[in-house]
C-alpha atoms as a PDB file:
ATOM      1  CA  UNK A   1       6.143   5.831 -32.059  1.00  0.00           C
ATOM      2  CA  UNK A   2       5.424   2.428 -30.532  1.00  0.00           C
ATOM      3  CA  UNK A   3       1.984   0.943 -30.714  1.00  0.00           C
ATOM      4  CA  UNK A   4       0.356   1.185 -27.211  1.00  0.00           C
ATOM      5  CA  UNK A   5      -0.222  -2.599 -26.876  1.00  0.00           C
ATOM      6  CA  UNK A   6       3.473  -3.206 -27.584  1.00  0.00           C
ATOM      7  CA  UNK A   7       4.465  -0.589 -25.002  1.00  0.00           C
ATOM      8  CA  UNK A   8       2.065  -2.231 -22.558  1.00  0.00           C
ATOM      9  CA  UNK A   9       3.670  -5.610 -23.133  1.00  0.00           C
ATOM     10  CA  UNK A  10       7.230  -4.283 -22.902  1.00  0.00           C
ATOM     11  CA  UNK A  11       6.782  -2.140 -19.781  1.00  0.00           C
ATOM     12  CA  UNK A  12       4.700  -4.559 -17.749  1.00  0.00           C
ATOM     13  CA  UNK A  13       6.687  -7.672 -18.666  1.00  0.00           C
ATOM     14  CA  UNK A  14       9.906  -5.812 -17.946  1.00  0.00           C
ATOM     15  CA  UNK A  15       8.652  -4.725 -14.507  1.00  0.00           C
ATOM     16  CA  UNK A  16       7.570  -8.263 -13.620  1.00  0.00           C
ATOM     17  CA  UNK A  17      10.716  -9.934 -14.976  1.00  0.00           C
ATOM     18  CA  UNK A  18      13.099  -7.473 -13.334  1.00  0.00           C
ATOM     19  CA  UNK A  19      11.331  -7.735  -9.982  1.00  0.00           C
ATOM     20  CA  UNK A  20      11.289 -11.532 -10.230  1.00  0.00           C
ATOM     21  CA  UNK A  21      15.022 -11.669 -11.080  1.00  0.00           C
ATOM     22  CA  UNK A  22      16.082  -9.190  -8.400  1.00  0.00           C
ATOM     23  CA  UNK A  23      14.147 -11.031  -5.719  1.00  0.00           C
ATOM     24  CA  UNK A  24      15.795 -14.321  -6.629  1.00  0.00           C
ATOM     25  CA  UNK A  25      19.229 -12.725  -6.334  1.00  0.00           C
ATOM     26  CA  UNK A  26      18.296 -11.085  -3.047  1.00  0.00           C
ATOM     27  CA  UNK A  27      17.210 -14.454  -1.647  1.00  0.00           C
ATOM     28  CA  UNK A  28      20.776 -15.746  -1.829  1.00  0.00           C
ATOM     29  CA  UNK A  29      21.983 -16.444   1.732  1.00  0.00           C
ATOM     30  CA  UNK A  30      24.812 -13.913   1.471  1.00  0.00           C
ATOM     31  CA  UNK A  31      22.282 -11.168   0.688  1.00  0.00           C
ATOM     32  CA  UNK A  32      19.229 -11.907   2.816  1.00  0.00           C
ATOM     33  CA  UNK A  33      21.080 -12.356   6.107  1.00  0.00           C
ATOM     34  CA  UNK A  34      21.585  -8.590   6.308  1.00  0.00           C
ATOM     35  CA  UNK A  35      17.867  -7.899   6.444  1.00  0.00           C
ATOM     36  CA  UNK A  36      16.262 -10.589   8.573  1.00  0.00           C
ATOM     37  CA  UNK A  37      13.049  -9.584  10.329  1.00  0.00           C
ATOM     38  CA  UNK A  38      13.384 -11.080  13.799  1.00  0.00           C
ATOM     39  CA  UNK A  39      10.025 -11.885  15.447  1.00  0.00           C
ATOM     40  CA  UNK A  40       9.073  -9.943  18.560  1.00  0.00           C
ATOM     41  CA  UNK A  41       6.046  -9.423  20.789  1.00  0.00           C
ATOM     42  CA  UNK A  42       4.377  -7.301  18.093  1.00  0.00           C
ATOM     43  CA  UNK A  43       4.975  -9.689  15.172  1.00  0.00           C
ATOM     44  CA  UNK A  44       2.598 -12.150  13.561  1.00  0.00           C
ATOM     45  CA  UNK A  45       5.419 -14.487  12.470  1.00  0.00           C
ATOM     46  CA  UNK A  46       7.382 -16.921  14.615  1.00  0.00           C
ATOM     47  CA  UNK A  47      10.696 -17.323  12.762  1.00  0.00           C
ATOM     48  CA  UNK A  48      13.114 -14.870  11.058  1.00  0.00           C
ATOM     49  CA  UNK A  49      12.109 -13.885   7.520  1.00  0.00           C
ATOM     50  CA  UNK A  50      14.209 -11.718   5.157  1.00  0.00           C
ATOM     51  CA  UNK A  51      12.579  -8.320   4.523  1.00  0.00           C
ATOM     52  CA  UNK A  52      14.056  -7.710   1.089  1.00  0.00           C
ATOM     53  CA  UNK A  53      10.962  -7.469  -1.100  1.00  0.00           C
ATOM     54  CA  UNK A  54      11.134  -3.719  -1.564  1.00  0.00           C
ATOM     55  CA  UNK A  55      14.594  -3.972  -3.108  1.00  0.00           C
ATOM     56  CA  UNK A  56      13.099  -5.990  -5.942  1.00  0.00           C
ATOM     57  CA  UNK A  57       9.693  -4.353  -6.336  1.00  0.00           C
ATOM     58  CA  UNK A  58      10.583  -0.659  -6.241  1.00  0.00           C
ATOM     59  CA  UNK A  59      13.532  -0.621  -8.714  1.00  0.00           C
ATOM     60  CA  UNK A  60      11.565  -2.851 -11.097  1.00  0.00           C
ATOM     61  CA  UNK A  61       8.464  -0.645 -10.850  1.00  0.00           C
ATOM     62  CA  UNK A  62      10.644   2.450 -11.350  1.00  0.00           C
ATOM     63  CA  UNK A  63      12.155   1.079 -14.561  1.00  0.00           C
ATOM     64  CA  UNK A  64       8.741   0.014 -15.836  1.00  0.00           C
ATOM     65  CA  UNK A  65       7.207   3.421 -15.079  1.00  0.00           C
ATOM     66  CA  UNK A  66       9.968   5.208 -16.982  1.00  0.00           C
ATOM     67  CA  UNK A  67       9.669   2.855 -19.974  1.00  0.00           C
ATOM     68  CA  UNK A  68       5.904   3.471 -19.968  1.00  0.00           C
ATOM     69  CA  UNK A  69       6.497   7.213 -20.112  1.00  0.00           C
ATOM     70  CA  UNK A  70       5.854   7.965 -16.457  1.00  0.00           C
ATOM     71  CA  UNK A  71       7.154  10.968 -14.547  1.00  0.00           C
ATOM     72  CA  UNK A  72      10.812  10.858 -13.503  1.00  0.00           C
ATOM     73  CA  UNK A  73      10.272  13.027 -10.405  1.00  0.00           C
ATOM     74  CA  UNK A  74       7.724  10.638  -8.923  1.00  0.00           C
ATOM     75  CA  UNK A  75      10.097   7.758  -9.637  1.00  0.00           C
ATOM     76  CA  UNK A  76      13.011   9.630  -8.076  1.00  0.00           C
ATOM     77  CA  UNK A  77      11.074  10.389  -4.900  1.00  0.00           C
ATOM     78  CA  UNK A  78       9.948   6.765  -4.598  1.00  0.00           C
ATOM     79  CA  UNK A  79      13.537   5.535  -4.984  1.00  0.00           C
ATOM     80  CA  UNK A  80      14.772   8.095  -2.441  1.00  0.00           C
ATOM     81  CA  UNK A  81      12.168   6.843   0.048  1.00  0.00           C
ATOM     82  CA  UNK A  82      13.261   3.283  -0.665  1.00  0.00           C
ATOM     83  CA  UNK A  83      16.869   4.154   0.192  1.00  0.00           C
ATOM     84  CA  UNK A  84      15.845   5.958   3.385  1.00  0.00           C
ATOM     85  CA  UNK A  85      13.687   3.010   4.414  1.00  0.00           C
ATOM     86  CA  UNK A  86      16.433   0.552   3.530  1.00  0.00           C
ATOM     87  CA  UNK A  87      18.646   2.340   6.013  1.00  0.00           C
ATOM     88  CA  UNK A  88      15.827   2.116   8.537  1.00  0.00           C
ATOM     89  CA  UNK A  89      15.380  -1.622   7.901  1.00  0.00           C
ATOM     90  CA  UNK A  90      19.096  -2.041   8.536  1.00  0.00           C
ATOM     91  CA  UNK A  91      19.798   0.412  11.372  1.00  0.00           C
ATOM     92  CA  UNK A  92      16.371   1.204  12.907  1.00  0.00           C
ATOM     93  CA  UNK A  93      16.306   4.977  12.477  1.00  0.00           C
ATOM     94  CA  UNK A  94      14.470   7.115  15.061  1.00  0.00           C
ATOM     95  CA  UNK A  95      10.802   7.651  14.196  1.00  0.00           C
ATOM     96  CA  UNK A  96      11.315  11.419  13.946  1.00  0.00           C
ATOM     97  CA  UNK A  97      13.942  11.026  11.220  1.00  0.00           C
ATOM     98  CA  UNK A  98      11.758   8.642   9.251  1.00  0.00           C
ATOM     99  CA  UNK A  99       8.779  10.973   9.465  1.00  0.00           C
ATOM    100  CA  UNK A 100      10.904  13.941   8.412  1.00  0.00           C
ATOM    101  CA  UNK A 101      12.041  12.069   5.315  1.00  0.00           C
ATOM    102  CA  UNK A 102       8.455  11.157   4.449  1.00  0.00           C
ATOM    103  CA  UNK A 103       7.278  14.757   4.831  1.00  0.00           C
ATOM    104  CA  UNK A 104      10.182  16.123   2.771  1.00  0.00           C
ATOM    105  CA  UNK A 105       9.279  13.794  -0.096  1.00  0.00           C
ATOM    106  CA  UNK A 106       5.591  14.700   0.277  1.00  0.00           C
ATOM    107  CA  UNK A 107       6.439  18.430   0.263  1.00  0.00           C
ATOM    108  CA  UNK A 108       8.553  18.158  -2.893  1.00  0.00           C
ATOM    109  CA  UNK A 109       5.713  16.273  -4.567  1.00  0.00           C
ATOM    110  CA  UNK A 110       3.109  18.840  -3.477  1.00  0.00           C
ATOM    111  CA  UNK A 111       5.174  21.823  -4.658  1.00  0.00           C
ATOM    112  CA  UNK A 112       5.919  20.193  -8.019  1.00  0.00           C
ATOM    113  CA  UNK A 113       2.439  18.899  -8.858  1.00  0.00           C
ATOM    114  CA  UNK A 114       0.127  21.295  -7.006  1.00  0.00           C
ATOM    115  CA  UNK A 115       1.944  24.667  -7.124  1.00  0.00           C
ATOM    116  CA  UNK A 116      -1.319  26.590  -7.115  1.00  0.00           C
ATOM    117  CA  UNK A 117      -2.834  24.822  -4.122  1.00  0.00           C
ATOM    118  CA  UNK A 118      -2.144  27.744  -1.792  1.00  0.00           C
ATOM    119  CA  UNK A 119      -1.285  27.886   1.894  1.00  0.00           C
ATOM    120  CA  UNK A 120      -4.206  25.676   2.834  1.00  0.00           C
ATOM    121  CA  UNK A 121      -4.134  23.206  -0.036  1.00  0.00           C
ATOM    122  CA  UNK A 122      -0.413  22.487   0.027  1.00  0.00           C
ATOM    123  CA  UNK A 123      -0.294  21.312   3.681  1.00  0.00           C
ATOM    124  CA  UNK A 124      -3.360  19.164   3.006  1.00  0.00           C
ATOM    125  CA  UNK A 125      -1.611  17.472   0.076  1.00  0.00           C
ATOM    126  CA  UNK A 126       1.556  16.996   2.129  1.00  0.00           C
ATOM    127  CA  UNK A 127      -0.344  15.449   5.027  1.00  0.00           C
ATOM    128  CA  UNK A 128      -2.389  13.237   2.704  1.00  0.00           C
ATOM    129  CA  UNK A 129       0.743  11.851   1.048  1.00  0.00           C
ATOM    130  CA  UNK A 130       2.501  11.458   4.395  1.00  0.00           C
ATOM    131  CA  UNK A 131      -0.464   9.608   5.837  1.00  0.00           C
ATOM    132  CA  UNK A 132      -0.714   7.240   2.866  1.00  0.00           C
ATOM    133  CA  UNK A 133       3.002   6.471   3.172  1.00  0.00           C
ATOM    134  CA  UNK A 134       2.627   5.548   6.808  1.00  0.00           C
ATOM    135  CA  UNK A 135      -0.671   3.682   6.635  1.00  0.00           C
ATOM    136  CA  UNK A 136       0.770   1.467   3.897  1.00  0.00           C
ATOM    137  CA  UNK A 137       3.677   0.777   6.217  1.00  0.00           C
ATOM    138  CA  UNK A 138       1.334   0.085   9.156  1.00  0.00           C
ATOM    139  CA  UNK A 139      -0.638  -2.426   7.098  1.00  0.00           C
ATOM    140  CA  UNK A 140       2.394  -4.369   5.892  1.00  0.00           C
ATOM    141  CA  UNK A 141       2.316  -6.911   8.691  1.00  0.00           C
ATOM    142  CA  UNK A 142       0.774 -10.113   7.341  1.00  0.00           C
ATOM    143  CA  UNK A 143       1.749 -12.527   4.582  1.00  0.00           C
ATOM    144  CA  UNK A 144       0.503 -11.472   1.168  1.00  0.00           C
ATOM    145  CA  UNK A 145      -1.399  -8.431   2.431  1.00  0.00           C
ATOM    146  CA  UNK A 146       0.494  -5.388   1.123  1.00  0.00           C
ATOM    147  CA  UNK A 147       1.660  -7.192  -2.020  1.00  0.00           C
ATOM    148  CA  UNK A 148      -1.833  -8.280  -2.988  1.00  0.00           C
ATOM    149  CA  UNK A 149      -3.321  -4.890  -2.195  1.00  0.00           C
ATOM    150  CA  UNK A 150      -0.706  -3.289  -4.433  1.00  0.00           C
ATOM    151  CA  UNK A 151      -1.655  -5.565  -7.319  1.00  0.00           C
ATOM    152  CA  UNK A 152      -5.373  -4.880  -6.940  1.00  0.00           C
ATOM    153  CA  UNK A 153      -5.026  -1.157  -6.245  1.00  0.00           C
ATOM    154  CA  UNK A 154      -2.707  -0.272  -9.096  1.00  0.00           C
ATOM    155  CA  UNK A 155      -4.590  -2.502 -11.537  1.00  0.00           C
ATOM    156  CA  UNK A 156      -7.682  -0.481 -10.610  1.00  0.00           C
ATOM    157  CA  UNK A 157      -5.791   2.756 -11.245  1.00  0.00           C
ATOM    158  CA  UNK A 158      -4.735   1.327 -14.622  1.00  0.00           C
ATOM    159  CA  UNK A 159      -8.313   0.380 -15.520  1.00  0.00           C
ATOM    160  CA  UNK A 160      -9.667   3.808 -14.604  1.00  0.00           C
ATOM    161  CA  UNK A 161      -6.872   5.565 -16.501  1.00  0.00           C
ATOM    162  CA  UNK A 162      -7.507   3.367 -19.533  1.00  0.00           C
ATOM    163  CA  UNK A 163     -11.221   4.198 -19.461  1.00  0.00           C
ATOM    164  CA  UNK A 164     -10.271   7.889 -19.442  1.00  0.00           C
ATOM    165  CA  UNK A 165      -7.867   7.441 -22.363  1.00  0.00           C
ATOM    166  CA  UNK A 166      -4.736   8.188 -20.285  1.00  0.00           C
ATOM    167  CA  UNK A 167      -2.732   5.262 -21.677  1.00  0.00           C
ATOM    168  CA  UNK A 168       0.778   6.195 -20.390  1.00  0.00           C
ATOM    169  CA  UNK A 169      -0.580   6.776 -16.896  1.00  0.00           C
ATOM    170  CA  UNK A 170      -2.419   3.468 -17.035  1.00  0.00           C
ATOM    171  CA  UNK A 171       0.751   1.697 -18.162  1.00  0.00           C
ATOM    172  CA  UNK A 172       2.743   3.240 -15.320  1.00  0.00           C
ATOM    173  CA  UNK A 173       0.154   2.024 -12.816  1.00  0.00           C
ATOM    174  CA  UNK A 174       0.176  -1.439 -14.327  1.00  0.00           C
ATOM    175  CA  UNK A 175       3.973  -1.602 -14.002  1.00  0.00           C
ATOM    176  CA  UNK A 176       3.705  -1.113 -10.237  1.00  0.00           C
ATOM    177  CA  UNK A 177       1.110  -3.887 -10.119  1.00  0.00           C
ATOM    178  CA  UNK A 178       3.200  -6.368 -12.114  1.00  0.00           C
ATOM    179  CA  UNK A 179       6.339  -5.670 -10.080  1.00  0.00           C
ATOM    180  CA  UNK A 180       4.304  -6.396  -6.937  1.00  0.00           C
ATOM    181  CA  UNK A 181       2.867  -9.541  -8.536  1.00  0.00           C
ATOM    182  CA  UNK A 182       6.399 -10.946  -8.871  1.00  0.00           C
ATOM    183  CA  UNK A 183       6.950 -10.258  -5.165  1.00  0.00           C
ATOM    184  CA  UNK A 184       3.664 -11.956  -4.330  1.00  0.00           C
ATOM    185  CA  UNK A 185       4.978 -15.245  -5.750  1.00  0.00           C
ATOM    186  CA  UNK A 186       7.296 -15.311  -2.720  1.00  0.00           C
ATOM    187  CA  UNK A 187       5.106 -13.483  -0.217  1.00  0.00           C
ATOM    188  CA  UNK A 188       1.737 -15.190  -0.529  1.00  0.00           C
ATOM    189  CA  UNK A 189       1.174 -17.313   2.593  1.00  0.00           C
ATOM    190  CA  UNK A 190       3.347 -18.868   3.774  1.00  0.00           C
ATOM    191  CA  UNK A 191       5.683 -15.946   3.046  1.00  0.00           C
ATOM    192  CA  UNK A 192       9.312 -16.662   2.219  1.00  0.00           C
ATOM    193  CA  UNK A 193      10.204 -12.960   2.140  1.00  0.00           C
ATOM    194  CA  UNK A 194       8.700  -9.762   3.534  1.00  0.00           C
ATOM    195  CA  UNK A 195       8.424  -6.412   1.813  1.00  0.00           C
ATOM    196  CA  UNK A 196      10.082  -4.352   4.530  1.00  0.00           C
ATOM    197  CA  UNK A 197       9.884  -0.581   4.895  1.00  0.00           C
ATOM    198  CA  UNK A 198      11.975  -0.281   1.715  1.00  0.00           C
ATOM    199  CA  UNK A 199       8.920  -1.567  -0.131  1.00  0.00           C
ATOM    200  CA  UNK A 200       5.888  -0.434   1.842  1.00  0.00           C
ATOM    201  CA  UNK A 201       6.986   3.203   2.236  1.00  0.00           C
ATOM    202  CA  UNK A 202       7.651   3.986  -1.462  1.00  0.00           C
ATOM    203  CA  UNK A 203       4.581   1.987  -2.526  1.00  0.00           C
ATOM    204  CA  UNK A 204       2.470   4.031  -0.138  1.00  0.00           C
ATOM    205  CA  UNK A 205       3.955   7.151  -1.697  1.00  0.00           C
ATOM    206  CA  UNK A 206       3.163   5.904  -5.213  1.00  0.00           C
ATOM    207  CA  UNK A 207      -0.413   5.037  -4.199  1.00  0.00           C
ATOM    208  CA  UNK A 208      -0.903   8.599  -2.947  1.00  0.00           C
ATOM    209  CA  UNK A 209       0.993  10.284  -5.784  1.00  0.00           C
ATOM    210  CA  UNK A 210      -0.803   8.406  -8.555  1.00  0.00           C
ATOM    211  CA  UNK A 211      -4.140   8.921  -6.840  1.00  0.00           C
ATOM    212  CA  UNK A 212      -3.649  12.684  -6.544  1.00  0.00           C
ATOM    213  CA  UNK A 213      -2.216  13.102 -10.041  1.00  0.00           C
ATOM    214  CA  UNK A 214      -5.171  11.200 -11.473  1.00  0.00           C
ATOM    215  CA  UNK A 215      -7.527  13.524  -9.601  1.00  0.00           C
ATOM    216  CA  UNK A 216      -5.620  16.626 -10.747  1.00  0.00           C
ATOM    217  CA  UNK A 217      -5.772  15.453 -14.368  1.00  0.00           C
ATOM    218  CA  UNK A 218      -9.498  14.737 -14.206  1.00  0.00           C
ATOM    219  CA  UNK A 219      -9.217  10.954 -14.504  1.00  0.00           C
ATOM    220  CA  UNK A 220     -11.265  10.350 -11.344  1.00  0.00           C
ATOM    221  CA  UNK A 221     -12.824  12.198  -8.386  1.00  0.00           C
ATOM    222  CA  UNK A 222     -10.924  12.649  -5.138  1.00  0.00           C
ATOM    223  CA  UNK A 223     -12.808   9.861  -3.369  1.00  0.00           C
ATOM    224  CA  UNK A 224     -11.653   7.254  -5.890  1.00  0.00           C
ATOM    225  CA  UNK A 225      -8.136   6.526  -4.491  1.00  0.00           C
ATOM    226  CA  UNK A 226      -9.525   6.344  -0.954  1.00  0.00           C
ATOM    227  CA  UNK A 227     -12.067   3.724  -2.000  1.00  0.00           C
ATOM    228  CA  UNK A 228      -9.552   1.758  -4.085  1.00  0.00           C
ATOM    229  CA  UNK A 229      -7.256   1.383  -1.071  1.00  0.00           C
ATOM    230  CA  UNK A 230     -10.190   1.290   1.333  1.00  0.00           C
ATOM    231  CA  UNK A 231      -9.097  -1.704   3.463  1.00  0.00           C
ATOM    232  CA  UNK A 232      -5.797   0.014   4.239  1.00  0.00           C
ATOM    233  CA  UNK A 233      -7.304   3.473   4.728  1.00  0.00           C
ATOM    234  CA  UNK A 234     -10.123   2.327   7.008  1.00  0.00           C
ATOM    235  CA  UNK A 235      -8.115  -0.119   9.123  1.00  0.00           C
ATOM    236  CA  UNK A 236      -5.149   2.194   9.692  1.00  0.00           C
ATOM    237  CA  UNK A 237      -7.213   5.364  10.221  1.00  0.00           C
ATOM    238  CA  UNK A 238      -9.719   3.834  12.647  1.00  0.00           C
ATOM    239  CA  UNK A 239      -6.970   2.051  14.586  1.00  0.00           C
ATOM    240  CA  UNK A 240      -4.882   5.223  14.890  1.00  0.00           C
ATOM    241  CA  UNK A 241      -7.888   7.263  16.012  1.00  0.00           C
ATOM    242  CA  UNK A 242      -8.852   4.704  18.653  1.00  0.00           C
ATOM    243  CA  UNK A 243      -5.314   4.469  19.999  1.00  0.00           C
ATOM    244  CA  UNK A 244      -5.056   8.269  20.158  1.00  0.00           C
ATOM    245  CA  UNK A 245      -8.348   8.505  22.057  1.00  0.00           C
ATOM    246  CA  UNK A 246      -7.023   5.958  24.565  1.00  0.00           C
ATOM    247  CA  UNK A 247      -3.929   8.113  25.098  1.00  0.00           C
ATOM    248  CA  UNK A 248      -1.528   5.549  23.641  1.00  0.00           C
ATOM    249  CA  UNK A 249       1.702   6.386  21.856  1.00  0.00           C
ATOM    250  CA  UNK A 250       0.463   6.066  18.288  1.00  0.00           C
ATOM    251  CA  UNK A 251       3.981   5.919  16.817  1.00  0.00           C
ATOM    252  CA  UNK A 252       4.965   2.738  18.687  1.00  0.00           C
ATOM    253  CA  UNK A 253       4.572  -0.789  17.267  1.00  0.00           C
ATOM    254  CA  UNK A 254       1.422  -2.675  18.281  1.00  0.00           C
ATOM    255  CA  UNK A 255      -1.019  -5.432  17.328  1.00  0.00           C
ATOM    256  CA  UNK A 256      -4.282  -3.488  17.373  1.00  0.00           C
ATOM    257  CA  UNK A 257      -5.071  -3.374  13.649  1.00  0.00           C
ATOM    258  CA  UNK A 258      -8.157  -5.235  12.537  1.00  0.00           C
ATOM    259  CA  UNK A 259      -6.125  -7.503  10.283  1.00  0.00           C
ATOM    260  CA  UNK A 260      -3.807  -8.355  13.192  1.00  0.00           C
ATOM    261  CA  UNK A 261      -6.739  -9.145  15.452  1.00  0.00           C
ATOM    262  CA  UNK A 262      -8.198 -11.511  12.885  1.00  0.00           C
ATOM    263  CA  UNK A 263      -4.946 -13.512  12.866  1.00  0.00           C
ATOM    264  CA  UNK A 264      -4.703 -13.402  16.663  1.00  0.00           C
ATOM    265  CA  UNK A 265      -8.249 -14.777  16.955  1.00  0.00           C
ATOM    266  CA  UNK A 266      -7.533 -17.759  14.764  1.00  0.00           C
ATOM    267  CA  UNK A 267      -7.557 -16.786  11.114  1.00  0.00           C
ATOM    268  CA  UNK A 268      -4.656 -18.035   9.015  1.00  0.00           C
ATOM    269  CA  UNK A 269      -2.585 -15.598   6.976  1.00  0.00           C
ATOM    270  CA  UNK A 270      -4.039 -17.173   3.840  1.00  0.00           C
ATOM    271  CA  UNK A 271      -7.626 -16.644   5.012  1.00  0.00           C
ATOM    272  CA  UNK A 272      -6.830 -13.051   5.899  1.00  0.00           C
ATOM    273  CA  UNK A 273      -5.158 -12.333   2.563  1.00  0.00           C
ATOM    274  CA  UNK A 274      -7.996 -13.807   0.520  1.00  0.00           C
ATOM    275  CA  UNK A 275     -10.646 -11.986   2.564  1.00  0.00           C
ATOM    276  CA  UNK A 276      -8.822  -8.654   2.204  1.00  0.00           C
ATOM    277  CA  UNK A 277      -8.383  -9.225  -1.537  1.00  0.00           C
ATOM    278  CA  UNK A 278     -12.084  -9.918  -1.853  1.00  0.00           C
ATOM    279  CA  UNK A 279     -12.958  -6.777   0.092  1.00  0.00           C
ATOM    280  CA  UNK A 280     -10.621  -4.656  -2.009  1.00  0.00           C
ATOM    281  CA  UNK A 281     -11.883  -6.141  -5.278  1.00  0.00           C
ATOM    282  CA  UNK A 282     -15.449  -5.439  -4.181  1.00  0.00           C
ATOM    283  CA  UNK A 283     -14.640  -1.819  -3.317  1.00  0.00           C
ATOM    284  CA  UNK A 284     -12.554  -1.259  -6.443  1.00  0.00           C
ATOM    285  CA  UNK A 285     -15.225  -2.784  -8.653  1.00  0.00           C
ATOM    286  CA  UNK A 286     -17.895  -0.577  -7.105  1.00  0.00           C
ATOM    287  CA  UNK A 287     -15.659   2.476  -7.553  1.00  0.00           C
ATOM    288  CA  UNK A 288     -15.097   1.706 -11.251  1.00  0.00           C
ATOM    289  CA  UNK A 289     -18.826   1.217 -11.821  1.00  0.00           C
ATOM    290  CA  UNK A 290     -19.676   4.508 -10.089  1.00  0.00           C
ATOM    291  CA  UNK A 291     -16.769   6.442 -11.595  1.00  0.00           C
ATOM    292  CA  UNK A 292     -18.616   8.188 -14.437  1.00  0.00           C
ATOM    293  CA  UNK A 293     -22.111   7.987 -13.018  1.00  0.00           C
ATOM    294  CA  UNK A 294     -24.205  10.735 -11.463  1.00  0.00           C
ATOM    295  CA  UNK A 295     -23.390  12.336  -8.138  1.00  0.00           C
ATOM    296  CA  UNK A 296     -26.339  10.507  -6.596  1.00  0.00           C
ATOM    297  CA  UNK A 297     -24.947   7.128  -7.693  1.00  0.00           C
ATOM    298  CA  UNK A 298     -21.507   8.019  -6.365  1.00  0.00           C
ATOM    299  CA  UNK A 299     -22.922   9.096  -2.999  1.00  0.00           C
ATOM    300  CA  UNK A 300     -24.989   5.903  -2.759  1.00  0.00           C
ATOM    301  CA  UNK A 301     -21.909   3.819  -3.597  1.00  0.00           C
ATOM    302  CA  UNK A 302     -19.812   5.544  -0.930  1.00  0.00           C
ATOM    303  CA  UNK A 303     -22.577   5.170   1.670  1.00  0.00           C
ATOM    304  CA  UNK A 304     -22.954   1.471   0.867  1.00  0.00           C
ATOM    305  CA  UNK A 305     -19.207   0.858   1.129  1.00  0.00           C
ATOM    306  CA  UNK A 306     -19.106   2.771   4.425  1.00  0.00           C
ATOM    307  CA  UNK A 307     -21.817   0.458   5.750  1.00  0.00           C
ATOM    308  CA  UNK A 308     -19.857  -2.608   4.630  1.00  0.00           C
ATOM    309  CA  UNK A 309     -16.709  -1.381   6.403  1.00  0.00           C
ATOM    310  CA  UNK A 310     -18.657  -0.485   9.542  1.00  0.00           C
ATOM    311  CA  UNK A 311     -20.146  -3.973   9.661  1.00  0.00           C
ATOM    312  CA  UNK A 312     -16.718  -5.533   9.099  1.00  0.00           C
ATOM    313  CA  UNK A 313     -15.156  -3.473  11.903  1.00  0.00           C
ATOM    314  CA  UNK A 314     -17.964  -4.300  14.330  1.00  0.00           C
ATOM    315  CA  UNK A 315     -17.681  -7.998  13.486  1.00  0.00           C
ATOM    316  CA  UNK A 316     -13.931  -8.049  14.166  1.00  0.00           C
ATOM    317  CA  UNK A 317     -14.436  -6.063  17.388  1.00  0.00           C
ATOM    318  CA  UNK A 318     -17.026  -8.613  18.533  1.00  0.00           C
ATOM    319  CA  UNK A 319     -14.701 -11.487  17.692  1.00  0.00           C
ATOM    320  CA  UNK A 320     -11.880  -9.795  19.627  1.00  0.00           C
ATOM    321  CA  UNK A 321     -14.037  -9.195  22.691  1.00  0.00           C
ATOM    322  CA  UNK A 322     -15.127 -12.839  22.740  1.00  0.00           C
ATOM    323  CA  UNK A 323     -11.483 -13.915  22.582  1.00  0.00           C
ATOM    324  CA  UNK A 324     -10.555 -11.662  25.498  1.00  0.00           C
ATOM    325  CA  UNK A 325     -13.434 -12.964  27.572  1.00  0.00           C
ATOM    326  CA  UNK A 326     -12.443 -16.526  26.796  1.00  0.00           C
ATOM    327  CA  UNK A 327      -8.842 -15.816  27.831  1.00  0.00           C
ATOM    328  CA  UNK A 328     -10.024 -14.238  31.082  1.00  0.00           C
ATOM    329  CA  UNK A 329     -12.230 -17.224  31.897  1.00  0.00           C
ATOM    330  CA  UNK A 330      -9.278 -19.593  31.500  1.00  0.00           C
ATOM    331  CA  UNK A 331      -7.024 -17.666  33.861  1.00  0.00           C
END
């Protein structure tokens, strides 16, 4: 049996190196021209950028997870979602077909890992996984954002798993983080490649799957994954709820997310990425500190983080309203 530090080195270095190598091959002109993301009225970029990141990150993470002793079914579902999303990146599949694929993967996961959840629990797990898949996709719209969040989030999973003694699970999480770190070398502002749905969709699935498996195995409470990926969860959930209340078609592309509004009101992609990283590191650090503390400490931590996110949302809303008033005054 290999010594755990050696396994750690092998799996994580392999995930990073494979992702790095694949991305360099995919950047060849003959490859990237098939998956150019053309800017439109909803985009935050002004020139075509290849959306090939997922084709490097996901296969590399999958290999690393398997070497680290991770579960083959989770890997298989992530790869299947990558292939479905690759087809979508290429041919623009109808939203209904994409959603069906996401829910099928979520259902297979729920039946395999939570067979005793019952008629109420199983749909909840399916919807939770489906929502995480889509919110990750919604939030992949600015340079360095989804890649950096993946590094921070899965490193936090790895730290929590390590503290609980679940070494293989921690290694698997770290492999996802290192594969994303290789992508970030090309995606940090100014981005030379985008992740694309082939990356954001399976990574959203892995974030949900690892979070739920860790909860099932007693590594952390159910709130932990939500806090770890708090910037994504809060931004996407609040934005969706507000659009639904306004009667908008929530499945159509838009520029209403808080992170999009920050860029539209003058922030650079680099400023946005660093601010989001800081927010996620703050939340993840607080979650790790509160992880094995009393219920009272955990409740206080969650309440404090909720206050921080509320203040952040109100600040961005105020900034957005001032921009709109300024635009109206100049018309």
